Protein backbone atom coordinates (compact mmCIF):
# COMPACT_ATOMS: atom_id res chain seq x y z
CA MET A 1 0.13 0.08 0.07
CA TRP A 2 2.61 2.59 1.14
CA GLN A 3 5.60 2.64 -1.02
CA THR A 4 8.29 5.38 -0.42
CA GLN A 5 11.04 6.57 -2.74
CA ASN A 6 14.12 7.90 -0.44
CA ARG A 7 16.81 9.84 -1.17
CA ILE A 8 20.06 9.86 1.02
CA LEU A 9 22.16 12.93 1.34
CA MET A 10 25.28 11.60 3.21
CA ASN A 11 27.30 14.06 5.07
CA THR A 12 30.90 13.72 3.98
CA ASP A 13 32.43 16.00 6.31
CA ASN A 14 34.18 13.35 8.80
CA THR A 15 34.89 16.09 11.44
CA HIS A 16 32.98 15.12 14.75
CA GLU A 17 33.73 17.51 17.62
CA GLU A 18 34.60 15.42 20.61
CA ASN A 19 32.87 17.50 23.04
CA SER A 20 29.78 17.55 21.66
CA ASP A 21 28.19 15.88 24.30
CA ILE A 22 24.27 16.47 24.87
CA GLU A 23 24.90 17.13 28.54
CA ALA A 24 27.98 17.65 30.26
CA GLY A 25 29.99 14.78 31.10
CA VAL A 26 27.81 12.23 29.58
CA ALA A 27 29.32 10.64 26.05
CA LEU A 28 27.05 10.26 23.15
CA ASP A 29 27.29 6.30 22.96
CA THR A 30 25.17 6.37 26.54
CA TYR A 31 22.21 7.07 24.53
CA SER A 32 20.51 4.28 22.99
CA VAL A 33 18.67 4.47 19.61
CA LEU A 34 15.86 2.12 18.19
CA LEU A 35 15.93 2.84 14.48
CA VAL A 36 12.75 1.33 12.74
CA ASP A 37 12.30 1.32 8.83
CA ASP A 38 11.24 -1.29 6.40
CA ASP A 39 13.46 0.53 3.50
CA PRO A 40 16.81 -1.64 4.09
CA ASN A 41 18.96 0.43 2.26
CA PHE A 42 17.80 3.77 4.17
CA ARG A 43 17.96 1.92 7.20
CA MET A 44 21.38 0.57 6.40
CA ILE A 45 22.57 4.35 5.78
CA VAL A 46 20.65 5.82 8.98
CA GLU A 47 22.11 3.21 11.11
CA PHE A 48 25.70 3.92 9.65
CA ASN A 49 25.56 7.69 10.44
CA LEU A 50 24.11 7.54 13.72
CA LYS A 51 27.12 4.86 14.86
CA ARG A 52 29.27 7.03 13.23
CA LEU A 53 27.87 10.29 15.22
CA GLY A 54 28.69 7.99 18.42
CA TYR A 55 25.07 6.64 19.03
CA SER A 56 24.44 3.28 20.21
CA VAL A 57 22.14 1.56 17.73
CA SER A 58 19.51 -1.16 17.39
CA ALA A 59 17.62 -1.59 14.17
CA ALA A 60 14.62 -3.10 12.76
CA GLY A 61 13.09 -3.56 9.61
CA SER A 62 9.26 -4.14 10.82
CA GLY A 63 7.24 -2.78 13.92
CA ALA A 64 7.06 -6.42 15.14
CA GLU A 65 11.00 -6.97 15.18
CA ALA A 66 11.54 -3.41 17.02
CA LEU A 67 8.68 -4.53 19.91
CA ARG A 68 11.00 -7.94 20.62
CA ILE A 69 14.11 -5.38 21.10
CA ALA A 70 12.43 -2.63 22.87
CA GLU A 71 11.26 -5.89 25.20
CA GLN A 72 14.53 -7.25 25.61
CA ASN A 73 16.44 -3.72 25.87
CA ARG A 74 14.32 -1.68 28.75
CA ASP A 75 17.11 1.32 28.31
CA ILE A 76 16.19 3.07 24.96
CA HIS A 77 16.38 6.56 24.79
CA LEU A 78 14.88 7.33 21.37
CA LEU A 79 12.73 5.59 19.06
CA ILE A 80 13.22 6.66 15.20
CA THR A 81 10.59 5.21 13.36
CA ASP A 82 9.13 5.52 9.80
CA VAL A 83 5.26 6.49 10.04
CA ALA A 84 4.60 4.34 6.95
CA MET A 85 5.49 0.84 7.33
CA PRO A 86 3.40 -2.59 6.22
CA GLY A 87 2.00 -4.54 9.17
CA MET A 88 2.32 -2.31 12.07
CA ASP A 89 2.87 1.31 11.22
CA GLY A 90 4.99 3.64 13.47
CA VAL A 91 2.43 5.21 15.41
CA GLU A 92 0.90 2.08 16.56
CA LEU A 93 4.51 0.87 17.27
CA ALA A 94 5.44 4.16 19.05
CA ARG A 95 2.35 3.31 21.15
CA LYS A 96 3.44 -0.19 22.44
CA ILE A 97 6.71 0.86 23.07
CA LEU A 98 6.13 3.64 25.29
CA ARG A 99 3.86 1.42 27.34
CA ILE A 100 6.90 -0.76 28.18
CA GLN A 101 9.22 2.46 28.29
CA PRO A 102 7.19 5.37 29.11
CA ARG A 103 10.31 8.00 29.34
CA MET A 104 11.49 7.14 25.74
CA GLU A 105 11.12 9.98 23.28
CA VAL A 106 9.82 9.35 19.48
CA LEU A 107 11.39 10.94 16.38
CA TYR A 108 8.77 9.91 13.52
CA ILE A 109 10.46 9.92 9.89
CA SER A 110 8.66 9.73 6.76
CA GLY A 111 9.15 10.72 2.90
CA PHE A 112 5.65 11.97 3.25
CA PRO A 113 5.08 15.84 4.42
CA LEU A 114 3.84 16.01 7.81
CA ARG A 115 0.18 17.04 6.51
CA SER A 116 0.01 13.89 4.60
CA ILE A 117 0.77 11.67 7.84
CA ALA A 118 -1.76 13.43 9.99
CA GLY A 119 -4.51 11.26 9.54
CA MET A 120 -2.82 8.51 10.54
CA GLY A 121 -2.42 9.50 14.32
CA VAL A 122 0.49 11.91 13.77
CA ALA A 123 -0.72 15.28 15.17
CA THR A 124 0.87 18.12 13.11
CA GLY A 125 2.88 20.47 15.29
CA SER A 126 3.19 18.18 18.53
CA VAL A 127 5.53 15.37 17.77
CA HIS A 128 9.31 15.26 16.73
CA PHE A 129 9.24 14.56 12.85
CA LEU A 130 11.81 15.06 10.19
CA GLN A 131 10.82 14.56 6.73
CA LYS A 132 13.03 12.42 4.30
CA PRO A 133 15.30 12.64 2.74
CA PHE A 134 17.57 14.72 5.63
CA PRO A 135 21.41 14.80 5.89
CA ALA A 136 23.00 13.15 8.63
CA ALA A 137 24.01 16.74 10.59
CA ARG A 138 20.24 17.50 10.51
CA LEU A 139 19.39 14.31 12.10
CA ASP A 140 22.07 14.70 14.24
CA GLU A 141 21.00 17.98 15.55
CA ARG A 142 17.68 16.85 15.83
CA ILE A 143 18.39 13.98 18.06
CA LYS A 144 20.34 16.11 20.19
CA ALA A 145 17.86 18.67 20.74
CA ILE A 146 15.26 15.77 21.76
CA LEU A 147 17.60 14.02 24.23
CA ALA A 148 18.72 17.50 25.99
CA GLY A 149 15.20 17.73 26.33
CA ALA A 150 14.79 21.13 23.84
CA TYR A 151 11.37 19.67 23.50
CA ARG A 152 8.49 18.15 25.74
CA PRO A 153 8.08 14.31 25.64
CA CYS A 154 5.58 13.11 23.05
CA LEU A 155 3.46 11.11 25.17
CA ALA A 156 2.98 14.28 27.49
CA ARG A 157 2.20 16.29 24.21
CA VAL A 158 0.05 13.99 22.02
CA PRO A 159 -3.13 12.37 23.60
CA ALA A 160 -3.53 9.73 21.00
CA LEU A 161 -0.16 8.30 21.79
CA ALA A 162 -1.26 7.81 25.88
CA GLN A 163 -4.11 5.51 25.16
């Protein structure tokens, strides 16, 4: 039903500032990210970039696989999930994982504009969202802002996710 064409923009700048920790004294690799996307090529590139940026990453190709990972690893700080996936979509996945790990943050990604996916349960203006394609630096910037608390947690801001 959903078919997305993705274009990935790679950051070829290999500089990485060692003191770019989100919180003073906390290394990025202490932050665990669960990446979920049904496109294996996109998932592989984003996983590579996240690891290169210093994050601890688990990756899944489906909602069911991601749910198994979340049940086994109760220390995930951020879920990055595609919204439109076959089977369990990203919104349903986030609801289920937030029941297990209510302090986890969620960043939705999609090749569709936010206004196009609003009907899927993603409330425009009230969730963390990044439209594909995106450069690695933009993803890193968004993750750091989310984990540093620049945004409020999704669960508190989106009643649909609390159900």
